[in-house]
Amino acid sequence: MRRAYDNLVEKATGCLLRENAVCEEEADVYRFGIEVTILKALHLFSYLVIAVCMRRVPEFIVIFSIFCAFRRNVGGFHAKTRTGCYLFSCSVIVMALAAAGNEIDLIFLYGLTFCELMLLLFVFPVKNENRPLDEEEIVCFRKRLFILILLYMAAFVLTAWARWFRLIQLYAIGLTLAASLALLGKVQERRNQNGKA
């Protein structure tokens, strides 16, 4: 499986080089980009298969949209290997969609949402050894996160006002995923710092 994947990446990169779409000096950058694109496509396809099998495609779309919006701005936990990442992320999707099938108390959701938003606002973004952040980037991510939180709160309040409580539950699950992985990422960040000290 790994060999087939590597061959696919090499063939795609070789095709770009043969067509003179990229120069030789930039081949590694494009190779990495192709690798990331294939991995993301595989993950997304697998998530959709899981959602179809669990008969929760609309729920998946809402949860995943909220999760992705926050994940891009706060960062979070990263598995050490591609296989670990794939298995972990698929497991998380299964748990999220399973949670979407249960009734969750609204007062609990309101309280949890408030706590998670405060946590994200004051503690993150999470630095990662694969993507270190300088001070300028941290300020930029914090601004984007603040705007995202305002948009989320506006959507949350409007949805509550419209009494679409099922949608509120899906918002909360997506946010909980992002906050949980961000918190795990913070723990991972601290461990990495302690390991280097």
N, C-alpha and C. Protein backbone atom coordinates (compact mmCIF):
# COMPACT_ATOMS: atom_id res chain seq x y z
N MET A 1 0.83 -1.20 0.00
CA MET A 1 0.00 0.00 0.00
C MET A 1 0.87 1.26 0.00
N ARG A 2 1.86 1.26 0.89
CA ARG A 2 2.76 2.41 0.98
C ARG A 2 3.52 2.61 -0.33
N ARG A 3 3.98 1.49 -0.93
CA ARG A 3 4.74 1.58 -2.18
C ARG A 3 3.87 2.12 -3.30
N ALA A 4 2.61 1.66 -3.38
CA ALA A 4 1.69 2.14 -4.41
C ALA A 4 1.44 3.64 -4.24
N TYR A 5 1.29 4.07 -2.99
CA TYR A 5 1.07 5.49 -2.70
C TYR A 5 2.28 6.32 -3.12
N ASP A 6 3.48 5.87 -2.74
CA ASP A 6 4.71 6.59 -3.11
C ASP A 6 4.89 6.64 -4.62
N ASN A 7 4.56 5.53 -5.31
CA ASN A 7 4.65 5.51 -6.77
C ASN A 7 3.71 6.51 -7.40
N LEU A 8 2.51 6.62 -6.85
CA LEU A 8 1.53 7.58 -7.38
C LEU A 8 2.04 9.01 -7.23
N VAL A 9 2.61 9.32 -6.07
CA VAL A 9 3.17 10.66 -5.84
C VAL A 9 4.31 10.93 -6.81
N GLU A 10 5.20 9.95 -6.98
CA GLU A 10 6.35 10.12 -7.88
C GLU A 10 5.90 10.28 -9.34
N LYS A 11 4.90 9.49 -9.75
CA LYS A 11 4.40 9.61 -11.13
C LYS A 11 3.79 10.98 -11.38
N ALA A 12 3.02 11.47 -10.42
CA ALA A 12 2.39 12.79 -10.57
C ALA A 12 3.45 13.88 -10.64
N THR A 13 4.47 13.78 -9.79
CA THR A 13 5.55 14.77 -9.80
C THR A 13 6.33 14.67 -11.11
N GLY A 14 6.63 13.45 -11.53
CA GLY A 14 7.35 13.24 -12.80
C GLY A 14 6.58 13.80 -13.98
N CYS A 15 5.26 13.64 -13.97
CA CYS A 15 4.42 14.18 -15.04
C CYS A 15 4.53 15.71 -15.11
N LEU A 16 4.50 16.35 -13.95
CA LEU A 16 4.65 17.82 -13.90
C LEU A 16 6.01 18.25 -14.44
N LEU A 17 7.05 17.49 -14.10
CA LEU A 17 8.40 17.82 -14.58
C LEU A 17 8.51 17.62 -16.09
N ARG A 18 7.95 16.53 -16.61
CA ARG A 18 8.01 16.26 -18.05
C ARG A 18 7.27 17.31 -18.85
N GLU A 19 6.17 17.79 -18.29
CA GLU A 19 5.37 18.80 -19.00
C GLU A 19 5.92 20.21 -18.78
N ASN A 20 7.05 20.30 -18.06
CA ASN A 20 7.66 21.60 -17.74
C ASN A 20 6.71 22.52 -16.98
N ALA A 21 5.80 21.93 -16.22
CA ALA A 21 4.88 22.72 -15.40
C ALA A 21 5.58 23.24 -14.16
N VAL A 22 6.63 22.54 -13.73
CA VAL A 22 7.44 22.98 -12.59
C VAL A 22 8.90 22.77 -12.94
N CYS A 23 9.77 23.54 -12.27
CA CYS A 23 11.20 23.36 -12.51
C CYS A 23 11.76 22.35 -11.51
N GLU A 24 12.90 21.81 -11.84
CA GLU A 24 13.53 20.75 -11.04
C GLU A 24 13.77 21.18 -9.60
N GLU A 25 14.14 22.46 -9.40
CA GLU A 25 14.45 22.96 -8.06
C GLU A 25 13.21 22.95 -7.15
N GLU A 26 12.03 23.06 -7.74
CA GLU A 26 10.79 23.11 -6.95
C GLU A 26 10.08 21.75 -6.86
N ALA A 27 10.70 20.71 -7.38
CA ALA A 27 10.06 19.39 -7.44
C ALA A 27 9.68 18.89 -6.04
N ASP A 28 10.55 19.08 -5.06
CA ASP A 28 10.25 18.59 -3.70
C ASP A 28 9.03 19.29 -3.10
N VAL A 29 8.90 20.58 -3.37
CA VAL A 29 7.75 21.33 -2.86
C VAL A 29 6.46 20.80 -3.48
N TYR A 30 6.48 20.56 -4.79
CA TYR A 30 5.29 20.04 -5.46
C TYR A 30 5.02 18.59 -5.06
N ARG A 31 6.08 17.82 -4.84
CA ARG A 31 5.91 16.44 -4.38
C ARG A 31 5.16 16.43 -3.04
N PHE A 32 5.59 17.32 -2.15
CA PHE A 32 4.93 17.43 -0.84
C PHE A 32 3.46 17.86 -1.01
N GLY A 33 3.22 18.83 -1.89
CA GLY A 33 1.85 19.29 -2.14
C GLY A 33 0.96 18.19 -2.69
N ILE A 34 1.49 17.41 -3.61
CA ILE A 34 0.73 16.28 -4.17
C ILE A 34 0.44 15.25 -3.08
N GLU A 35 1.44 14.97 -2.26
CA GLU A 35 1.29 14.01 -1.18
C GLU A 35 0.18 14.44 -0.22
N VAL A 36 0.20 15.70 0.18
CA VAL A 36 -0.81 16.23 1.11
C VAL A 36 -2.19 16.19 0.47
N THR A 37 -2.28 16.55 -0.81
CA THR A 37 -3.57 16.56 -1.51
C THR A 37 -4.17 15.15 -1.58
N ILE A 38 -3.33 14.17 -1.91
CA ILE A 38 -3.81 12.78 -1.99
C ILE A 38 -4.28 12.31 -0.61
N LEU A 39 -3.50 12.61 0.42
CA LEU A 39 -3.88 12.19 1.78
C LEU A 39 -5.21 12.82 2.20
N LYS A 40 -5.36 14.12 1.92
CA LYS A 40 -6.61 14.80 2.31
C LYS A 40 -7.79 14.23 1.55
N ALA A 41 -7.59 13.94 0.27
CA ALA A 41 -8.67 13.36 -0.53
C ALA A 41 -9.06 11.98 0.01
N LEU A 42 -8.05 11.18 0.39
CA LEU A 42 -8.32 9.86 0.95
C LEU A 42 -9.09 9.97 2.26
N HIS A 43 -8.67 10.89 3.11
CA HIS A 43 -9.36 11.10 4.38
C HIS A 43 -10.81 11.51 4.14
N LEU A 44 -11.01 12.51 3.29
CA LEU A 44 -12.36 13.01 3.05
C LEU A 44 -13.25 11.93 2.46
N PHE A 45 -12.73 11.17 1.51
CA PHE A 45 -13.49 10.07 0.92
C PHE A 45 -13.89 9.06 1.99
N SER A 46 -12.95 8.73 2.87
CA SER A 46 -13.24 7.76 3.94
C SER A 46 -14.30 8.30 4.89
N TYR A 47 -14.22 9.58 5.22
CA TYR A 47 -15.21 10.18 6.11
C TYR A 47 -16.60 10.10 5.48
N LEU A 48 -16.67 10.39 4.17
CA LEU A 48 -17.97 10.33 3.48
C LEU A 48 -18.51 8.90 3.47
N VAL A 49 -17.64 7.93 3.26
CA VAL A 49 -18.07 6.53 3.30
C VAL A 49 -18.62 6.18 4.68
N ILE A 50 -17.92 6.64 5.72
CA ILE A 50 -18.39 6.40 7.09
C ILE A 50 -19.76 7.04 7.30
N ALA A 51 -19.91 8.29 6.84
CA ALA A 51 -21.18 9.00 7.00
C ALA A 51 -22.31 8.29 6.25
N VAL A 52 -22.02 7.80 5.04
CA VAL A 52 -23.04 7.07 4.27
C VAL A 52 -23.42 5.79 4.99
N CYS A 53 -22.41 5.06 5.48
CA CYS A 53 -22.67 3.79 6.18
C CYS A 53 -23.48 4.01 7.46
N MET A 54 -23.23 5.14 8.12
CA MET A 54 -23.96 5.44 9.36
C MET A 54 -25.27 6.20 9.09
N ARG A 55 -25.53 6.49 7.81
CA ARG A 55 -26.73 7.23 7.38
C ARG A 55 -26.82 8.59 8.06
N ARG A 56 -25.68 9.29 8.05
CA ARG A 56 -25.62 10.60 8.69
C ARG A 56 -24.86 11.60 7.82
N VAL A 57 -25.13 11.62 6.53
CA VAL A 57 -24.41 12.54 5.63
C VAL A 57 -24.70 14.00 5.96
N PRO A 58 -25.98 14.43 6.12
CA PRO A 58 -26.21 15.85 6.46
C PRO A 58 -25.54 16.24 7.78
N GLU A 59 -25.60 15.34 8.76
CA GLU A 59 -24.96 15.62 10.05
C GLU A 59 -23.46 15.77 9.87
N PHE A 60 -22.87 14.89 9.05
CA PHE A 60 -21.44 14.95 8.80
C PHE A 60 -21.06 16.30 8.19
N ILE A 61 -21.84 16.76 7.23
CA ILE A 61 -21.52 18.03 6.55
C ILE A 61 -21.49 19.19 7.55
N VAL A 62 -22.48 19.26 8.42
CA VAL A 62 -22.52 20.35 9.41
C VAL A 62 -21.38 20.22 10.41
N ILE A 63 -21.22 19.04 11.00
CA ILE A 63 -20.16 18.83 12.00
C ILE A 63 -18.79 19.10 11.41
N PHE A 64 -18.53 18.55 10.23
CA PHE A 64 -17.21 18.68 9.62
C PHE A 64 -16.92 20.12 9.21
N SER A 65 -17.94 20.85 8.77
CA SER A 65 -17.75 22.26 8.41
C SER A 65 -17.32 23.09 9.61
N ILE A 66 -18.02 22.90 10.73
CA ILE A 66 -17.67 23.63 11.96
C ILE A 66 -16.26 23.22 12.42
N PHE A 67 -16.02 21.92 12.43
CA PHE A 67 -14.71 21.41 12.87
C PHE A 67 -13.58 22.00 12.03
N CYS A 68 -13.71 21.94 10.71
CA CYS A 68 -12.65 22.42 9.81
C CYS A 68 -12.39 23.90 9.99
N ALA A 69 -13.46 24.69 10.13
CA ALA A 69 -13.28 26.14 10.29
C ALA A 69 -12.43 26.45 11.52
N PHE A 70 -12.70 25.78 12.62
CA PHE A 70 -11.92 26.02 13.84
C PHE A 70 -10.54 25.37 13.76
N ARG A 71 -10.48 24.17 13.24
CA ARG A 71 -9.20 23.44 13.18
C ARG A 71 -8.14 24.23 12.41
N ARG A 72 -8.56 24.88 11.33
CA ARG A 72 -7.62 25.65 10.51
C ARG A 72 -7.02 26.83 11.28
N ASN A 73 -7.74 27.31 12.27
CA ASN A 73 -7.29 28.50 12.99
C ASN A 73 -6.72 28.24 14.37
N VAL A 74 -6.99 27.06 14.94
CA VAL A 74 -6.46 26.79 16.28
C VAL A 74 -5.43 25.67 16.29
N GLY A 75 -5.38 24.86 15.22
CA GLY A 75 -4.43 23.76 15.20
C GLY A 75 -4.89 22.65 16.13
N GLY A 76 -3.96 21.81 16.53
CA GLY A 76 -4.32 20.74 17.45
C GLY A 76 -3.45 19.52 17.30
N PHE A 77 -3.95 18.43 17.82
CA PHE A 77 -3.23 17.16 17.88
C PHE A 77 -2.91 16.64 16.48
N HIS A 78 -1.69 16.11 16.32
CA HIS A 78 -1.28 15.44 15.09
C HIS A 78 -0.65 14.10 15.45
N ALA A 79 -1.13 13.05 14.81
CA ALA A 79 -0.54 11.73 15.03
C ALA A 79 0.87 11.70 14.43
N LYS A 80 1.69 10.80 14.93
CA LYS A 80 3.09 10.74 14.49
C LYS A 80 3.25 10.12 13.10
N THR A 81 2.33 9.25 12.71
CA THR A 81 2.45 8.56 11.42
C THR A 81 1.20 8.82 10.58
N ARG A 82 1.33 8.60 9.27
CA ARG A 82 0.17 8.75 8.38
C ARG A 82 -0.92 7.76 8.72
N THR A 83 -0.52 6.52 8.99
CA THR A 83 -1.50 5.49 9.33
C THR A 83 -2.20 5.84 10.63
N GLY A 84 -1.44 6.29 11.61
CA GLY A 84 -2.01 6.71 12.89
C GLY A 84 -2.98 7.86 12.71
N CYS A 85 -2.60 8.81 11.88
CA CYS A 85 -3.47 9.96 11.59
C CYS A 85 -4.79 9.50 10.96
N TYR A 86 -4.66 8.62 9.97
CA TYR A 86 -5.84 8.13 9.27
C TYR A 86 -6.79 7.39 10.20
N LEU A 87 -6.25 6.45 10.97
CA LEU A 87 -7.08 5.66 11.88
C LEU A 87 -7.69 6.53 12.98
N PHE A 88 -6.90 7.44 13.52
CA PHE A 88 -7.38 8.33 14.58
C PHE A 88 -8.50 9.22 14.05
N SER A 89 -8.29 9.84 12.89
CA SER A 89 -9.30 10.77 12.37
C SER A 89 -10.59 10.04 11.98
N CYS A 90 -10.48 8.84 11.42
CA CYS A 90 -11.69 8.06 11.09
C CYS A 90 -12.44 7.69 12.37
N SER A 91 -11.71 7.34 13.42
CA SER A 91 -12.35 7.01 14.71
C SER A 91 -13.08 8.22 15.28
N VAL A 92 -12.47 9.38 15.15
CA VAL A 92 -13.09 10.62 15.65
C VAL A 92 -14.39 10.90 14.90
N ILE A 93 -14.38 10.70 13.59
CA ILE A 93 -15.59 10.92 12.78
C ILE A 93 -16.69 9.95 13.21
N VAL A 94 -16.34 8.69 13.43
CA VAL A 94 -17.32 7.69 13.88
C VAL A 94 -17.93 8.14 15.21
N MET A 95 -17.09 8.57 16.16
CA MET A 95 -17.60 9.01 17.47
C MET A 95 -18.50 10.23 17.34
N ALA A 96 -18.10 11.17 16.49
CA ALA A 96 -18.91 12.39 16.31
C ALA A 96 -20.28 12.06 15.73
N LEU A 97 -20.30 11.20 14.73
CA LEU A 97 -21.58 10.84 14.10
C LEU A 97 -22.42 9.99 15.04
N ALA A 98 -21.79 9.18 15.87
CA ALA A 98 -22.53 8.41 16.87
C ALA A 98 -23.17 9.36 17.88
N ALA A 99 -22.41 10.40 18.29
CA ALA A 99 -22.95 11.40 19.23
C ALA A 99 -24.12 12.15 18.61
N ALA A 100 -24.07 12.35 17.29
CA ALA A 100 -25.14 13.08 16.61
C ALA A 100 -26.47 12.32 16.66
N GLY A 101 -26.41 11.03 16.93
CA GLY A 101 -27.62 10.22 17.02
C GLY A 101 -28.27 10.23 18.39
N ASN A 102 -27.64 10.88 19.35
CA ASN A 102 -28.17 10.92 20.72
C ASN A 102 -28.77 12.27 21.05
N GLU A 103 -29.70 12.27 21.97
CA GLU A 103 -30.26 13.52 22.49
C GLU A 103 -29.32 14.08 23.54
N ILE A 104 -28.97 15.35 23.41
CA ILE A 104 -28.09 16.00 24.38
C ILE A 104 -28.83 17.19 24.96
N ASP A 105 -28.80 17.32 26.28
CA ASP A 105 -29.51 18.39 26.98
C ASP A 105 -29.04 19.76 26.47
N LEU A 106 -30.00 20.64 26.16
CA LEU A 106 -29.67 21.95 25.60
C LEU A 106 -28.88 22.83 26.56
N ILE A 107 -29.24 22.83 27.83
CA ILE A 107 -28.52 23.64 28.81
C ILE A 107 -27.06 23.19 28.87
N PHE A 108 -26.86 21.89 28.83
CA PHE A 108 -25.50 21.35 28.82
C PHE A 108 -24.75 21.83 27.58
N LEU A 109 -25.42 21.80 26.41
CA LEU A 109 -24.79 22.26 25.16
C LEU A 109 -24.41 23.73 25.23
N TYR A 110 -25.30 24.56 25.79
CA TYR A 110 -25.01 25.99 25.91
C TYR A 110 -23.78 26.21 26.79
N GLY A 111 -23.75 25.53 27.93
CA GLY A 111 -22.62 25.68 28.86
C GLY A 111 -21.32 25.18 28.26
N LEU A 112 -21.39 24.01 27.61
CA LEU A 112 -20.21 23.43 26.99
C LEU A 112 -19.68 24.34 25.88
N THR A 113 -20.58 24.85 25.06
CA THR A 113 -20.18 25.73 23.96
C THR A 113 -19.48 26.98 24.49
N PHE A 114 -20.04 27.60 25.53
CA PHE A 114 -19.42 28.80 26.11
C PHE A 114 -18.01 28.48 26.62
N CYS A 115 -17.88 27.39 27.36
CA CYS A 115 -16.57 27.01 27.91
C CYS A 115 -15.55 26.74 26.81
N GLU A 116 -15.98 26.03 25.77
CA GLU A 116 -15.06 25.70 24.67
C GLU A 116 -14.63 26.94 23.90
N LEU A 117 -15.56 27.86 23.67
CA LEU A 117 -15.20 29.09 22.97
C LEU A 117 -14.20 29.91 23.78
N MET A 118 -14.40 30.00 25.09
CA MET A 118 -13.45 30.73 25.94
C MET A 118 -12.09 30.04 25.94
N LEU A 119 -12.11 28.72 26.00
CA LEU A 119 -10.87 27.96 25.98
C LEU A 119 -10.09 28.25 24.69
N LEU A 120 -10.78 28.17 23.56
CA LEU A 120 -10.13 28.40 22.28
C LEU A 120 -9.61 29.84 22.17
N LEU A 121 -10.38 30.77 22.67
CA LEU A 121 -10.02 32.18 22.55
C LEU A 121 -8.78 32.53 23.37
N PHE A 122 -8.66 31.98 24.56
CA PHE A 122 -7.59 32.40 25.46
C PHE A 122 -6.36 31.50 25.46
N VAL A 123 -6.47 30.29 24.96
CA VAL A 123 -5.35 29.36 25.08
C VAL A 123 -4.65 29.09 23.74
N PHE A 124 -5.32 29.24 22.63
CA PHE A 124 -4.79 28.78 21.36
C PHE A 124 -4.49 29.95 20.44
N PRO A 125 -3.71 29.79 19.37
CA PRO A 125 -3.46 28.59 18.58
C PRO A 125 -2.37 27.69 19.16
N VAL A 126 -2.43 26.43 18.72
CA VAL A 126 -1.47 25.42 19.16
C VAL A 126 -0.33 25.36 18.17
N LYS A 127 0.89 25.42 18.69
CA LYS A 127 2.07 25.27 17.82
C LYS A 127 2.31 23.79 17.59
N ASN A 128 2.87 23.48 16.43
CA ASN A 128 3.15 22.08 16.09
C ASN A 128 4.56 22.01 15.54
N GLU A 129 5.26 20.91 15.83
CA GLU A 129 6.64 20.79 15.37
C GLU A 129 6.73 20.76 13.85
N ASN A 130 5.64 20.34 13.18
CA ASN A 130 5.61 20.36 11.72
C ASN A 130 5.30 21.75 11.16
N ARG A 131 4.71 22.60 11.99
CA ARG A 131 4.32 23.94 11.54
C ARG A 131 4.53 24.93 12.68
N PRO A 132 5.80 25.32 12.95
CA PRO A 132 6.03 26.31 14.01
C PRO A 132 5.45 27.66 13.61
N LEU A 133 5.01 28.42 14.60
CA LEU A 133 4.40 29.73 14.34
C LEU A 133 5.26 30.83 14.94
N ASP A 134 5.46 31.91 14.18
CA ASP A 134 6.13 33.07 14.75
C ASP A 134 5.07 33.99 15.36
N GLU A 135 5.50 35.05 16.03
CA GLU A 135 4.57 35.94 16.74
C GLU A 135 3.55 36.59 15.80
N GLU A 136 3.99 36.96 14.61
CA GLU A 136 3.08 37.60 13.64
C GLU A 136 1.97 36.64 13.22
N GLU A 137 2.33 35.38 13.00
CA GLU A 137 1.34 34.37 12.62
C GLU A 137 0.36 34.10 13.77
N ILE A 138 0.87 34.08 15.00
CA ILE A 138 0.01 33.85 16.16
C ILE A 138 -1.03 34.97 16.27
N VAL A 139 -0.58 36.21 16.07
CA VAL A 139 -1.51 37.36 16.12
C VAL A 139 -2.56 37.23 15.02
N CYS A 140 -2.12 36.84 13.83
CA CYS A 140 -3.05 36.67 12.70
C CYS A 140 -4.08 35.58 12.99
N PHE A 141 -3.61 34.44 13.50
CA PHE A 141 -4.53 33.34 13.82
C PHE A 141 -5.50 33.74 14.92
N ARG A 142 -5.04 34.48 15.90
CA ARG A 142 -5.92 34.93 16.99
C ARG A 142 -7.02 35.85 16.47
N LYS A 143 -6.66 36.76 15.56
CA LYS A 143 -7.66 37.66 14.97
C LYS A 143 -8.70 36.86 14.19
N ARG A 144 -8.21 35.93 13.38
CA ARG A 144 -9.14 35.11 12.60
C ARG A 144 -10.03 34.28 13.51
N LEU A 145 -9.45 33.76 14.60
CA LEU A 145 -10.23 32.97 15.54
C LEU A 145 -11.30 33.82 16.21
N PHE A 146 -10.96 35.05 16.56
CA PHE A 146 -11.93 35.95 17.19
C PHE A 146 -13.11 36.20 16.25
N ILE A 147 -12.82 36.46 14.98
CA ILE A 147 -13.89 36.67 13.99
C ILE A 147 -14.72 35.41 13.83
N LEU A 148 -14.06 34.25 13.78
CA LEU A 148 -14.76 32.97 13.64
C LEU A 148 -15.68 32.72 14.83
N ILE A 149 -15.21 33.04 16.03
CA ILE A 149 -16.04 32.86 17.23
C ILE A 149 -17.26 33.76 17.17
N LEU A 150 -17.09 35.01 16.72
CA LEU A 150 -18.24 35.91 16.58
C LEU A 150 -19.26 35.36 15.58
N LEU A 151 -18.76 34.84 14.45
CA LEU A 151 -19.66 34.26 13.44
C LEU A 151 -20.37 33.02 13.99
N TYR A 152 -19.62 32.20 14.71
CA TYR A 152 -20.20 31.00 15.30
C TYR A 152 -21.29 31.38 16.30
N MET A 153 -21.00 32.35 17.16
CA MET A 153 -21.98 32.78 18.16
C MET A 153 -23.23 33.35 17.50
N ALA A 154 -23.05 34.12 16.43
CA ALA A 154 -24.20 34.68 15.71
C ALA A 154 -25.06 33.56 15.13
N ALA A 155 -24.41 32.57 14.49
CA ALA A 155 -25.14 31.44 13.92
C ALA A 155 -25.83 30.63 15.02
N PHE A 156 -25.14 30.46 16.13
CA PHE A 156 -25.68 29.70 17.25
C PHE A 156 -26.93 30.38 17.81
N VAL A 157 -26.86 31.70 18.01
CA VAL A 157 -28.00 32.45 18.57
C VAL A 157 -29.17 32.45 17.59
N LEU A 158 -28.90 32.68 16.31
CA LEU A 158 -29.98 32.67 15.31
C LEU A 158 -30.64 31.29 15.21
N THR A 159 -29.83 30.25 15.28
CA THR A 159 -30.36 28.90 15.22
C THR A 159 -31.21 28.58 16.45
N ALA A 160 -30.75 29.04 17.61
CA ALA A 160 -31.52 28.84 18.84
C ALA A 160 -32.83 29.62 18.78
N TRP A 161 -32.76 30.86 18.26
CA TRP A 161 -33.96 31.70 18.12
C TRP A 161 -34.98 31.04 17.20
N ALA A 162 -34.47 30.38 16.12
CA ALA A 162 -35.36 29.69 15.18
C ALA A 162 -35.82 28.33 15.72
N ARG A 163 -35.29 27.96 16.89
CA ARG A 163 -35.64 26.72 17.56
C ARG A 163 -35.24 25.47 16.75
N TRP A 164 -34.11 25.58 16.03
CA TRP A 164 -33.55 24.44 15.31
C TRP A 164 -32.53 23.77 16.22
N PHE A 165 -33.05 23.15 17.25
CA PHE A 165 -32.19 22.62 18.30
C PHE A 165 -31.31 21.46 17.81
N ARG A 166 -31.79 20.74 16.84
CA ARG A 166 -30.98 19.65 16.27
C ARG A 166 -29.70 20.21 15.64
N LEU A 167 -29.83 21.34 14.97
CA LEU A 167 -28.68 21.98 14.34
C LEU A 167 -27.69 22.50 15.39
N ILE A 168 -28.22 23.01 16.49
CA ILE A 168 -27.36 23.47 17.59
C ILE A 168 -26.51 22.32 18.10
N GLN A 169 -27.11 21.15 18.22
CA GLN A 169 -26.37 19.98 18.69
C GLN A 169 -25.23 19.65 17.73
N LEU A 170 -25.47 19.75 16.43
CA LEU A 170 -24.42 19.45 15.45
C LEU A 170 -23.31 20.50 15.51
N TYR A 171 -23.70 21.79 15.66
CA TYR A 171 -22.69 22.84 15.84
C TYR A 171 -21.79 22.49 17.03
N ALA A 172 -22.44 22.12 18.13
CA ALA A 172 -21.70 21.85 19.37
C ALA A 172 -20.77 20.66 19.22
N ILE A 173 -21.20 19.64 18.50
CA ILE A 173 -20.33 18.47 18.30
C ILE A 173 -19.10 18.86 17.48
N GLY A 174 -19.30 19.64 16.43
CA GLY A 174 -18.16 20.10 15.61
C GLY A 174 -17.19 20.93 16.43
N LEU A 175 -17.73 21.81 17.27
CA LEU A 175 -16.89 22.65 18.13
C LEU A 175 -16.15 21.80 19.17
N THR A 176 -16.84 20.81 19.73
CA THR A 176 -16.22 19.94 20.73
C THR A 176 -15.06 19.16 20.12
N LEU A 177 -15.23 18.70 18.88
CA LEU A 177 -14.13 18.00 18.20
C LEU A 177 -12.92 18.91 18.08
N ALA A 178 -13.16 20.15 17.60
CA ALA A 178 -12.05 21.09 17.41
C ALA A 178 -11.38 21.43 18.74
N ALA A 179 -12.18 21.68 19.77
CA ALA A 179 -11.63 22.04 21.08
C ALA A 179 -10.87 20.87 21.70
N SER A 180 -11.41 19.66 21.56
CA SER A 180 -10.75 18.48 22.14
C SER A 180 -9.40 18.22 21.48
N LEU A 181 -9.37 18.30 20.14
CA LEU A 181 -8.11 18.06 19.44
C LEU A 181 -7.11 19.19 19.70
N ALA A 182 -7.63 20.41 19.88
CA ALA A 182 -6.74 21.53 20.22
C ALA A 182 -6.14 21.32 21.61
N LEU A 183 -6.97 20.86 22.54
CA LEU A 183 -6.48 20.60 23.90
C LEU A 183 -5.43 19.47 23.89
N LEU A 184 -5.72 18.39 23.15
CA LEU A 184 -4.74 17.31 23.00
C LEU A 184 -3.45 17.82 22.35
N GLY A 185 -3.61 18.73 21.38
CA GLY A 185 -2.45 19.33 20.73
C GLY A 185 -1.62 20.16 21.68
N LYS A 186 -2.30 20.85 22.61
CA LYS A 186 -1.57 21.64 23.61
C LYS A 186 -0.75 20.72 24.52
N VAL A 187 -1.35 19.58 24.90
CA VAL A 187 -0.63 18.60 25.71
C VAL A 187 0.57 18.06 24.92
N GLN A 188 0.34 17.76 23.65
CA GLN A 188 1.41 17.26 22.78
C GLN A 188 2.53 18.30 22.65
N GLU A 189 2.14 19.56 22.51
CA GLU A 189 3.12 20.66 22.41
C GLU A 189 3.98 20.75 23.66
N ARG A 190 3.35 20.66 24.83
CA ARG A 190 4.09 20.71 26.09
C ARG A 190 5.05 19.53 26.23
N ARG A 191 4.59 18.34 25.84
CA ARG A 191 5.45 17.16 25.93
C ARG A 191 6.66 17.31 25.01
N ASN A 192 6.42 17.83 23.80
CA ASN A 192 7.53 18.04 22.87
C ASN A 192 8.53 19.04 23.43
N GLN A 193 8.03 20.10 24.07
CA GLN A 193 8.93 21.10 24.66
C GLN A 193 9.72 20.50 25.81
N ASN A 194 9.06 19.70 26.65
CA ASN A 194 9.75 19.07 27.78
C ASN A 194 10.78 18.04 27.30
N GLY A 195 10.45 17.37 26.18
CA GLY A 195 11.38 16.38 25.62
C GLY A 195 12.64 17.02 25.07
N LYS A 196 12.50 18.26 24.56
CA LYS A 196 13.66 18.96 24.00
C LYS A 196 14.50 19.64 25.09
N ALA A 197 13.86 19.88 26.26
CA ALA A 197 14.57 20.60 27.33
C ALA A 197 15.61 19.75 28.00
